[in-house]
Amino acid sequence: MDFTGITIRRLCCVIKRRILWLTAGLLSGILCAALAFHIIPPKFSSRSIVYLSATQETGFMNNSIQNYISASEEGGIVDMDRLTAGKSLASTCAVILKSDKALQDVINQAELNWTIAEMSKAVTFKAENGSEVLSITVVTNDPLLSAELCNLFAGYVGVIMEEVIKGGSAIPFGEAAPALEPSSASLVMLVALGGGAGVSLAAALVILISVCNTKVKNEEDITRYVETRVLAIIPVLPKENRSV
């Protein structure tokens, strides 16, 4: 395989001569993407937010935030120890929710025939930006199921606060609603990605074949392989002008 003498101009000429290959790659990529869109079921995502506090509070998260604002306006100081404790609780609950027991409890509540590994793959827990807010995201093939599991996990956070941490409060910020649109890639995006990948693979194959082909096709190849200058070229005469 010889890579010497390869220029952008030469590669463009090679690709231009194999334009049918590129067209075939484009159509193949689009076809594969369309088949994948219809074969692979769409994914629907739902998200719940739970505010965690080290003290007992009731109501929605915006009420707790309003309490912080009122405290700041009245005293000028927000309880930083309370904020730090809330951040720690969010990270702690995220770890506990990933445990086999927590996942199995929610599976039982939802009456699903799932394994713990399947549930673990579908749900994600995250303490948002290191704050006292815990984010719960569930992705499944059913929008109603995703929303239901989100709400069950949000409610399970209260169980953790009561039975494990034995203090504080978990305040859900509303309920998760079923997604109206799938969160997985759309048909247009898949077709664009598939077409681009097909053209790229076809172009790479054309270039590889050209590089591996060491046949002498023109005077440039002679100069490149033999490393000598071409002195003369014998033209190919038409058949009717050739002598017998």
Protein backbone atom coordinates (compact mmCIF):
# COMPACT_ATOMS: atom_id res chain seq x y z
CA MET A 1 0.00 0.00 0.00
CA ASP A 2 1.63 3.22 -1.20
CA PHE A 3 0.44 6.57 0.14
CA THR A 4 3.10 8.65 -1.59
CA GLY A 5 1.97 11.16 -4.19
CA ILE A 6 -1.60 11.23 -2.93
CA THR A 7 -3.14 14.69 -3.29
CA ILE A 8 -6.55 16.16 -2.66
CA ARG A 9 -6.99 16.65 -6.39
CA ARG A 10 -6.25 13.00 -7.10
CA LEU A 11 -8.65 11.83 -4.39
CA CYS A 12 -11.40 14.08 -5.77
CA CYS A 13 -10.86 12.66 -9.25
CA VAL A 14 -11.01 9.10 -7.93
CA ILE A 15 -14.23 9.80 -6.03
CA LYS A 16 -15.74 11.56 -9.04
CA ARG A 17 -15.11 8.51 -11.24
CA ARG A 18 -16.87 6.34 -8.65
CA ILE A 19 -19.93 8.56 -8.19
CA LEU A 20 -22.20 5.53 -8.57
CA TRP A 21 -20.54 3.96 -5.53
CA LEU A 22 -21.29 7.07 -3.49
CA THR A 23 -24.89 7.05 -4.69
CA ALA A 24 -25.24 3.40 -3.70
CA GLY A 25 -23.77 4.16 -0.27
CA LEU A 26 -26.16 7.07 0.21
CA LEU A 27 -29.22 5.02 -0.71
CA SER A 28 -28.08 2.07 1.41
CA GLY A 29 -27.57 4.31 4.44
CA ILE A 30 -31.00 5.91 4.03
CA LEU A 31 -32.65 2.51 3.64
CA CYS A 32 -30.94 1.11 6.76
CA ALA A 33 -31.93 4.19 8.76
CA ALA A 34 -35.57 3.92 7.67
CA LEU A 35 -35.67 0.22 8.57
CA ALA A 36 -34.09 0.93 11.95
CA PHE A 37 -36.71 3.61 12.66
CA HIS A 38 -39.56 1.17 12.03
CA ILE A 39 -37.93 -1.83 13.73
CA ILE A 40 -36.58 -0.15 16.88
CA PRO A 41 -39.46 1.04 19.11
CA PRO A 42 -39.44 4.74 20.08
CA LYS A 43 -38.37 5.82 23.56
CA PHE A 44 -40.38 8.15 25.79
CA SER A 45 -38.83 10.08 28.64
CA SER A 46 -40.43 11.49 31.79
CA ARG A 47 -38.80 13.52 34.54
CA SER A 48 -39.59 14.24 38.18
CA ILE A 49 -37.94 16.74 40.50
CA VAL A 50 -37.83 16.31 44.28
CA TYR A 51 -36.64 19.00 46.67
CA LEU A 52 -34.87 17.61 49.74
CA SER A 53 -34.65 19.47 53.02
CA ALA A 54 -32.99 18.56 56.31
CA THR A 55 -36.08 19.84 58.19
CA GLN A 56 -39.71 18.81 58.09
CA GLU A 57 -41.60 20.83 55.47
CA THR A 58 -44.82 20.39 53.56
CA GLY A 59 -46.07 21.66 50.23
CA PHE A 60 -44.42 22.02 46.87
CA MET A 61 -40.86 23.09 46.21
CA ASN A 62 -41.78 26.65 45.28
CA ASN A 63 -43.22 27.13 48.78
CA SER A 64 -39.87 26.06 50.28
CA ILE A 65 -38.00 28.44 48.02
CA GLN A 66 -40.34 31.23 49.08
CA ASN A 67 -39.49 30.42 52.71
CA TYR A 68 -35.79 30.87 51.90
CA ILE A 69 -36.51 34.22 50.24
CA SER A 70 -38.56 35.39 53.22
CA ALA A 71 -35.83 34.32 55.63
CA SER A 72 -33.25 36.20 53.59
CA GLU A 73 -35.37 39.36 53.50
CA GLU A 74 -36.10 39.28 57.22
CA GLY A 75 -32.75 38.31 58.67
CA GLY A 76 -30.43 38.90 55.73
CA ILE A 77 -28.84 35.45 56.19
CA VAL A 78 -29.87 32.08 54.78
CA ASP A 79 -29.08 28.99 56.85
CA MET A 80 -26.07 27.63 54.90
CA ASP A 81 -25.89 24.50 57.08
CA ARG A 82 -29.43 23.70 56.02
CA LEU A 83 -28.55 24.15 52.34
CA THR A 84 -25.43 21.97 52.68
CA ALA A 85 -27.45 19.24 54.41
CA GLY A 86 -30.00 19.33 51.59
CA LYS A 87 -27.27 18.91 48.96
CA SER A 88 -25.87 15.93 50.86
CA LEU A 89 -29.35 14.39 51.12
CA ALA A 90 -29.84 14.60 47.35
CA SER A 91 -26.62 12.72 46.66
CA THR A 92 -27.40 10.16 49.38
CA CYS A 93 -30.90 9.47 48.07
CA ALA A 94 -29.56 9.08 44.52
CA VAL A 95 -27.22 6.35 45.74
CA ILE A 96 -29.92 4.59 47.78
CA LEU A 97 -32.39 4.67 44.90
CA LYS A 98 -29.89 2.76 42.76
CA SER A 99 -29.82 -0.12 45.25
CA ASP A 100 -31.38 -3.45 44.36
CA LYS A 101 -33.95 -3.16 47.17
CA ALA A 102 -35.22 0.23 46.05
CA LEU A 103 -35.45 -0.84 42.42
CA GLN A 104 -37.22 -4.08 43.33
CA ASP A 105 -39.70 -2.24 45.57
CA VAL A 106 -40.70 0.07 42.73
CA ILE A 107 -40.95 -2.90 40.33
CA ASN A 108 -43.37 -4.53 42.77
CA GLN A 109 -45.39 -1.33 43.19
CA ALA A 110 -45.74 -0.95 39.42
CA GLU A 111 -46.52 -4.68 39.07
CA LEU A 112 -43.95 -5.09 36.31
CA ASN A 113 -42.37 -8.31 35.14
CA TRP A 114 -38.96 -6.64 35.00
CA THR A 115 -35.58 -7.58 36.33
CA ILE A 116 -33.54 -5.23 38.50
CA ALA A 117 -31.09 -4.77 35.63
CA GLU A 118 -33.89 -3.66 33.28
CA MET A 119 -35.16 -1.14 35.81
CA SER A 120 -31.65 0.14 36.50
CA LYS A 121 -31.15 0.72 32.79
CA ALA A 122 -34.43 2.64 32.44
CA VAL A 123 -34.02 5.10 35.33
CA THR A 124 -31.43 7.79 36.10
CA PHE A 125 -30.98 9.68 39.37
CA LYS A 126 -29.00 12.89 39.62
CA ALA A 127 -28.40 15.62 42.18
CA GLU A 128 -28.77 18.66 39.92
CA ASN A 129 -25.55 20.71 39.90
CA GLY A 130 -24.71 19.54 43.40
CA SER A 131 -27.87 21.17 44.77
CA GLU A 132 -30.58 19.91 47.12
CA VAL A 133 -32.75 19.08 44.09
CA LEU A 134 -32.93 15.41 43.03
CA SER A 135 -33.80 14.73 39.39
CA ILE A 136 -35.43 11.42 38.40
CA THR A 137 -35.57 10.49 34.70
CA VAL A 138 -37.22 7.34 33.32
CA VAL A 139 -37.01 6.23 29.68
CA THR A 140 -39.21 3.39 28.40
CA ASN A 141 -41.19 2.41 25.29
CA ASP A 142 -44.46 3.53 26.94
CA PRO A 143 -45.04 7.22 27.83
CA LEU A 144 -47.60 6.32 30.50
CA LEU A 145 -45.23 3.84 32.13
CA SER A 146 -42.37 6.34 32.15
CA ALA A 147 -44.53 8.91 33.95
CA GLU A 148 -45.85 6.32 36.40
CA LEU A 149 -42.37 5.10 37.34
CA CYS A 150 -41.16 8.67 37.78
CA ASN A 151 -43.95 9.37 40.26
CA LEU A 152 -43.36 6.08 42.10
CA PHE A 153 -39.65 6.85 42.53
CA ALA A 154 -40.48 10.39 43.64
CA GLY A 155 -42.78 8.94 46.29
CA TYR A 156 -40.14 6.39 47.29
CA VAL A 157 -37.78 9.23 48.19
CA GLY A 158 -40.17 10.04 51.06
CA VAL A 159 -39.88 6.44 52.25
CA ILE A 160 -36.09 6.75 52.27
CA MET A 161 -36.25 9.97 54.28
CA GLU A 162 -38.59 8.37 56.81
CA GLU A 163 -37.20 4.86 57.19
CA VAL A 164 -33.52 5.21 56.33
CA ILE A 165 -32.42 8.78 57.02
CA LYS A 166 -35.11 9.22 59.71
CA GLY A 167 -35.44 12.94 59.26
CA GLY A 168 -35.93 15.74 56.80
CA SER A 169 -38.51 16.00 54.07
CA ALA A 170 -38.90 15.19 50.38
CA ILE A 171 -41.11 17.59 48.44
CA PRO A 172 -42.03 16.61 44.85
CA PHE A 173 -42.34 19.48 42.40
CA GLY A 174 -45.63 18.37 40.86
CA GLU A 175 -46.20 15.06 39.09
CA ALA A 176 -44.48 13.68 35.99
CA ALA A 177 -46.68 13.82 32.90
CA PRO A 178 -46.59 11.39 29.95
CA ALA A 179 -44.39 12.60 27.09
CA LEU A 180 -46.24 13.67 23.95
CA GLU A 181 -43.25 13.16 21.65
CA PRO A 182 -40.60 10.41 21.70
CA SER A 183 -37.19 11.34 23.08
CA SER A 184 -35.39 9.01 20.67
CA ALA A 185 -34.06 10.18 17.32
CA SER A 186 -36.62 11.22 14.71
CA LEU A 187 -36.90 9.72 11.23
CA VAL A 188 -35.35 12.81 9.63
CA MET A 189 -32.34 12.67 11.94
CA LEU A 190 -31.85 8.94 11.40
CA VAL A 191 -32.08 9.34 7.61
CA ALA A 192 -29.55 12.17 7.68
CA LEU A 193 -27.14 10.18 9.85
CA GLY A 194 -27.63 7.02 7.79
CA GLY A 195 -27.09 8.82 4.49
CA GLY A 196 -23.97 10.56 5.77
CA ALA A 197 -22.55 7.33 7.13
CA GLY A 198 -23.29 5.49 3.85
CA VAL A 199 -21.56 8.15 1.74
CA SER A 200 -18.58 8.25 4.10
CA LEU A 201 -18.12 4.48 4.01
CA ALA A 202 -18.44 4.39 0.21
CA ALA A 203 -15.88 7.21 -0.18
CA ALA A 204 -13.48 5.48 2.20
CA LEU A 205 -13.84 2.22 0.25
CA VAL A 206 -13.21 3.99 -3.08
CA ILE A 207 -10.09 5.69 -1.73
CA LEU A 208 -8.79 2.45 -0.19
CA ILE A 209 -9.24 0.55 -3.45
CA SER A 210 -7.49 3.33 -5.36
CA VAL A 211 -4.54 3.38 -2.98
CA CYS A 212 -4.16 -0.40 -3.09
CA ASN A 213 -4.35 -0.47 -6.91
CA THR A 214 -0.77 -0.26 -8.21
CA LYS A 215 -1.60 -0.56 -11.92
CA VAL A 216 0.01 2.05 -14.19
CA LYS A 217 -2.82 4.03 -15.73
CA ASN A 218 -1.17 7.31 -16.82
CA GLU A 219 2.13 9.16 -16.93
CA GLU A 220 1.70 10.39 -13.38
CA ASP A 221 1.74 6.77 -12.18
CA ILE A 222 4.94 6.11 -14.14
CA THR A 223 6.65 9.10 -12.54
CA ARG A 224 5.44 8.06 -9.11
CA TYR A 225 6.33 4.35 -9.28
CA VAL A 226 9.47 4.36 -11.50
CA GLU A 227 10.75 7.74 -10.29
CA THR A 228 11.77 8.87 -13.76
CA ARG A 229 10.53 11.44 -16.21
CA VAL A 230 8.36 10.45 -19.17
CA LEU A 231 10.15 11.26 -22.45
CA ALA A 232 7.42 10.36 -24.94
CA ILE A 233 3.92 8.96 -25.16
CA ILE A 234 2.81 6.54 -27.88
CA PRO A 235 -0.82 7.29 -28.73
CA VAL A 236 -3.39 4.53 -29.13
CA LEU A 237 -4.52 4.48 -32.76
CA PRO A 238 -8.11 3.73 -33.75
CA LYS A 239 -8.71 0.22 -35.07
CA GLU A 240 -9.41 1.40 -38.61
CA ASN A 241 -5.97 3.05 -38.82
CA ARG A 242 -4.06 0.04 -37.58
CA SER A 243 -2.17 -2.05 -40.15
CA VAL A 244 -2.66 -5.76 -40.26
